[in-house]
C-alpha atoms as a PDB file:
ATOM      1  CA  MET A   1     133.112 120.330  62.901  1.00  0.00           C
ATOM      2  CA  GLN A   2     130.537 123.138  63.768  1.00  0.00           C
ATOM      3  CA  CYS A   3     128.380 124.900  61.156  1.00  0.00           C
ATOM      4  CA  PRO A   4     128.962 128.555  61.580  1.00  0.00           C
ATOM      5  CA  LYS A   5     125.662 129.568  60.515  1.00  0.00           C
ATOM      6  CA  CYS A   6     123.055 126.991  62.020  1.00  0.00           C
ATOM      7  CA  GLU A   7     125.130 125.220  64.399  1.00  0.00           C
ATOM      8  CA  GLY A   8     124.180 121.891  62.635  1.00  0.00           C
ATOM      9  CA  THR A   9     127.092 119.531  61.572  1.00  0.00           C
ATOM     10  CA  LEU A  10     129.312 119.488  59.092  1.00  0.00           C
ATOM     11  CA  ALA A  11     129.349 116.120  57.274  1.00  0.00           C
ATOM     12  CA  ALA A  12     132.502 115.766  54.467  1.00  0.00           C
ATOM     13  CA  LEU A  13     131.481 115.638  50.848  1.00  0.00           C
ATOM     14  CA  THR A  14     133.726 114.881  48.150  1.00  0.00           C
ATOM     15  CA  ILE A  15     133.834 116.280  45.041  1.00  0.00           C
ATOM     16  CA  ASP A  16     136.454 114.769  42.158  1.00  0.00           C
ATOM     17  CA  GLY A  17     138.712 113.866  44.273  1.00  0.00           C
ATOM     18  CA  VAL A  18     138.615 117.445  46.446  1.00  0.00           C
ATOM     19  CA  GLU A  19     136.602 117.157  49.504  1.00  0.00           C
ATOM     20  CA  VAL A  20     134.736 120.370  51.427  1.00  0.00           C
ATOM     21  CA  ASP A  21     132.443 119.806  54.144  1.00  0.00           C
ATOM     22  CA  ARG A  22     128.784 120.399  54.007  1.00  0.00           C
ATOM     23  CA  CYS A  23     126.312 121.489  56.619  1.00  0.00           C
ATOM     24  CA  GLY A  24     123.285 119.112  56.513  1.00  0.00           C
ATOM     25  CA  GLY A  25     120.904 121.331  57.718  1.00  0.00           C
ATOM     26  CA  CYS A  26     121.001 125.039  56.314  1.00  0.00           C
ATOM     27  CA  GLN A  27     123.331 123.334  52.650  1.00  0.00           C
ATOM     28  CA  GLY A  28     126.067 126.093  53.580  1.00  0.00           C
ATOM     29  CA  ILE A  29     129.406 124.607  52.515  1.00  0.00           C
ATOM     30  CA  TRP A  30     133.013 124.782  53.319  1.00  0.00           C
ATOM     31  CA  PHE A  31     136.006 125.304  51.801  1.00  0.00           C
ATOM     32  CA  ASP A  32     139.385 124.964  52.954  1.00  0.00           C
ATOM     33  CA  LYS A  33     142.032 127.147  52.038  1.00  0.00           C
ATOM     34  CA  ARG A  34     142.366 127.152  47.488  1.00  0.00           C
ATOM     35  CA  GLU A  35     139.647 124.429  47.625  1.00  0.00           C
ATOM     36  CA  LEU A  36     136.772 126.595  45.881  1.00  0.00           C
ATOM     37  CA  ALA A  37     139.336 127.648  43.422  1.00  0.00           C
ATOM     38  CA  ASP A  38     139.478 123.758  42.919  1.00  0.00           C
ATOM     39  CA  VAL A  39     135.540 122.708  42.987  1.00  0.00           C
ATOM     40  CA  LEU A  40     134.312 125.951  41.062  1.00  0.00           C
ATOM     41  CA  PRO A  41     134.663 124.821  36.954  1.00  0.00           C
ATOM     42  CA  LYS A  42     134.312 120.742  37.967  1.00  0.00           C
ATOM     43  CA  GLU A  43     131.849 119.380  36.470  1.00  0.00           C
ATOM     44  CA  GLY A  44     131.137 116.903  39.270  1.00  0.00           C
ATOM     45  CA  ALA A  45     130.181 120.380  41.677  1.00  0.00           C
ATOM     46  CA  GLU A  46     126.323 119.683  40.770  1.00  0.00           C
ATOM     47  CA  LYS A  47     126.761 117.846  44.303  1.00  0.00           C
ATOM     48  CA  VAL A  48     127.044 121.572  45.545  1.00  0.00           C
ATOM     49  CA  LEU A  49     124.837 123.433  43.857  1.00  0.00           C
ATOM     50  CA  ALA A  50     121.550 122.648  46.222  1.00  0.00           C
ATOM     51  CA  GLY A  51     120.723 124.862  48.765  1.00  0.00           C
ATOM     52  CA  GLN A  52     118.629 127.799  49.618  1.00  0.00           C
ATOM     53  CA  ASP A  53     120.160 131.360  50.541  1.00  0.00           C
ATOM     54  CA  THR A  54     118.835 133.117  53.376  1.00  0.00           C
ATOM     55  CA  GLU A  55     118.414 136.329  54.354  1.00  0.00           C
ATOM     56  CA  ALA A  56     118.614 135.375  58.422  1.00  0.00           C
ATOM     57  CA  PHE A  57     121.891 133.409  57.247  1.00  0.00           C
ATOM     58  CA  ASP A  58     123.032 135.963  55.204  1.00  0.00           C
ATOM     59  CA  GLN A  59     123.389 138.144  58.343  1.00  0.00           C
ATOM     60  CA  LYS A  60     124.769 136.076  60.302  1.00  0.00           C
ATOM     61  CA  ARG A  61     128.450 136.543  61.326  1.00  0.00           C
ATOM     62  CA  GLY A  62     129.621 133.083  62.400  1.00  0.00           C
ATOM     63  CA  LYS A  63     132.664 131.244  63.239  1.00  0.00           C
ATOM     64  CA  CYS A  64     135.425 129.400  61.754  1.00  0.00           C
ATOM     65  CA  PRO A  65     134.882 125.824  62.333  1.00  0.00           C
ATOM     66  CA  LYS A  66     138.717 124.919  62.049  1.00  0.00           C
ATOM     67  CA  ASP A  67     139.735 127.559  64.239  1.00  0.00           C
ATOM     68  CA  ASN A  68     137.117 129.569  66.215  1.00  0.00           C
ATOM     69  CA  THR A  69     138.055 133.075  64.011  1.00  0.00           C
ATOM     70  CA  HIS A  70     135.118 134.872  63.270  1.00  0.00           C
ATOM     71  CA  LEU A  71     134.599 135.501  60.085  1.00  0.00           C
ATOM     72  CA  MET A  72     134.613 138.581  57.636  1.00  0.00           C
ATOM     73  CA  ARG A  73     132.239 138.916  55.170  1.00  0.00           C
ATOM     74  CA  VAL A  74     133.504 140.309  51.604  1.00  0.00           C
ATOM     75  CA  ASN A  75     131.193 140.386  48.232  1.00  0.00           C
ATOM     76  CA  SER A  76     132.540 138.628  45.850  1.00  0.00           C
ATOM     77  CA  ALA A  77     134.107 140.206  42.552  1.00  0.00           C
ATOM     78  CA  ARG A  78     132.798 137.395  40.599  1.00  0.00           C
ATOM     79  CA  ASN A  79     128.821 138.165  41.820  1.00  0.00           C
ATOM     80  CA  HIS A  80     128.220 140.835  44.432  1.00  0.00           C
ATOM     81  CA  LYS A  81     125.470 139.200  45.117  1.00  0.00           C
ATOM     82  CA  VAL A  82     127.338 136.797  47.225  1.00  0.00           C
ATOM     83  CA  THR A  83     128.570 137.695  50.397  1.00  0.00           C
ATOM     84  CA  LEU A  84     132.274 135.343  51.555  1.00  0.00           C
ATOM     85  CA  ASP A  85     132.308 134.409  54.837  1.00  0.00           C
ATOM     86  CA  THR A  86     136.274 134.003  54.692  1.00  0.00           C
ATOM     87  CA  CYS A  87     138.357 133.122  57.890  1.00  0.00           C
ATOM     88  CA  THR A  88     141.668 135.838  57.832  1.00  0.00           C
ATOM     89  CA  THR A  89     143.462 132.702  59.650  1.00  0.00           C
ATOM     90  CA  CYS A  90     143.386 129.641  57.839  1.00  0.00           C
ATOM     91  CA  GLN A  91     142.017 131.624  54.792  1.00  0.00           C
ATOM     92  CA  GLY A  92     138.964 129.211  54.515  1.00  0.00           C
ATOM     93  CA  ILE A  93     135.320 130.619  52.395  1.00  0.00           C
ATOM     94  CA  TRP A  94     132.183 129.646  53.912  1.00  0.00           C
ATOM     95  CA  LEU A  95     129.213 129.952  51.478  1.00  0.00           C
ATOM     96  CA  ASP A  96     125.423 130.008  52.799  1.00  0.00           C
ATOM     97  CA  GLY A  97     123.316 127.303  50.799  1.00  0.00           C
ATOM     98  CA  GLY A  98     122.479 128.866  47.041  1.00  0.00           C
ATOM     99  CA  GLU A  99     125.493 130.924  47.245  1.00  0.00           C
ATOM    100  CA  PHE A 100     127.598 128.393  45.058  1.00  0.00           C
ATOM    101  CA  ALA A 101     125.534 128.333  42.487  1.00  0.00           C
ATOM    102  CA  ALA A 102     125.143 131.857  42.323  1.00  0.00           C
ATOM    103  CA  LEU A 103     128.966 132.266  42.280  1.00  0.00           C
ATOM    104  CA  ARG A 104     128.826 129.716  38.872  1.00  0.00           C
ATOM    105  CA  GLU A 105     125.976 131.646  36.828  1.00  0.00           C
ATOM    106  CA  GLY A 106     128.244 134.992  37.883  1.00  0.00           C
ATOM    107  CA  GLY A 107     131.383 134.380  36.148  1.00  0.00           C
ATOM    108  CA  GLY A 108     131.707 136.845  33.987  1.00  0.00           C
ATOM    109  CA  GLY A 109     134.976 136.084  32.620  1.00  0.00           C
ATOM    110  CA  ILE A 110     136.621 136.659  36.027  1.00  0.00           C
ATOM    111  CA  PRO A 111     138.811 134.240  36.892  1.00  0.00           C
ATOM    112  CA  PHE A 112     138.360 132.768  40.114  1.00  0.00           C
ATOM    113  CA  LEU A 113     141.573 134.170  41.677  1.00  0.00           C
ATOM    114  CA  ASP A 114     139.995 137.477  41.407  1.00  0.00           C
ATOM    115  CA  LEU A 115     136.917 136.777  43.498  1.00  0.00           C
ATOM    116  CA  LEU A 116     138.401 138.521  46.522  1.00  0.00           C
END
C-alpha cells in the first residue's frame, strides 16, 4: 500500500496481535476500522510512538491506501491538536507521525469511541 502523505510504502507492524500499516518514510500509521481503538490502550503500542508531526503533512489531504477515497480530516475529541484523516468508505484512520503519541497523552478520561 502507498502512504497517503509522502507516497512511501506502508509495511505491516503487529502490536499485541493487531496488525497496522506504517510508513517507513514519514512514520505515519494506517489503522483499519476499529484497529486504533484496539491498539491505543495496549502496552506494546510503544512501537508506534515514534515519528514527528510535520506541518507539510498536516495540511495534505491524502487518499485512502485501501480504496483510494479522499480522506476526510476531523479534529480528535480526545486531543483537539490532533487531526485524524479518515476514510468515509472503509472507516480506516490515518495518523501522521507523532499523532499517535499525542492521542495517548491527551486521553483526559474520554473513551476512545468518543474520539471522532
